[in-house]
Amino acid sequence: MSRQALILRYAGFAVLATLANLGVQRLVLLGGDSGIVFALAVGTGTLAGLVVKYVLDKRWIFFDDATGLRAHGRKFTLYTVMGIVTTAIFWGTETAFWLIWHTDAMRETGAVIGLMVGYVIKYNLDRRFVFTNARLGATP
């Protein structure tokens, strides 16, 4: 797979995971608007997006054919930890832009920059630490 195809596929999967996250959040939020319902919506949405992205990345980005509960459990745990690291980059960049400029436009600019940097780092962390036995189609 070419580098460009890999980047487009990875970006497309990020969009799908985001849509899954937000879709699940909206479904849960139909149950009310309390703080508990909101926290449940964010948590279940995040989990849904994480699972969708893991399944797609495992199969279509890293071409990892490992099976079994043990292999999936270990990889999914590592995948989640790498996501925590890169989420901190995203949230940090978004927050920094908000604190500096105090506008929604700049906050969202920071969010987009943070997401782009985070996803590049996440790909490399996943390639190095999560999908170590995978057959890669390309190296961005």
Foldseek 3Di string as FASTA:
>chain_A
DDPVVLVVLLVVLLVVLLCQLVVQLVVLCVVDDDPVSNVVSNVVSNVSSLVSSVVCCCCPAQNPDDDDPVLCVVLSVQLVVLVVVLVCQLVVQLVVQCVVPVDPVSSVVSNVVSVVVSSVSSVVSCCVPRSVPTDGPDDD
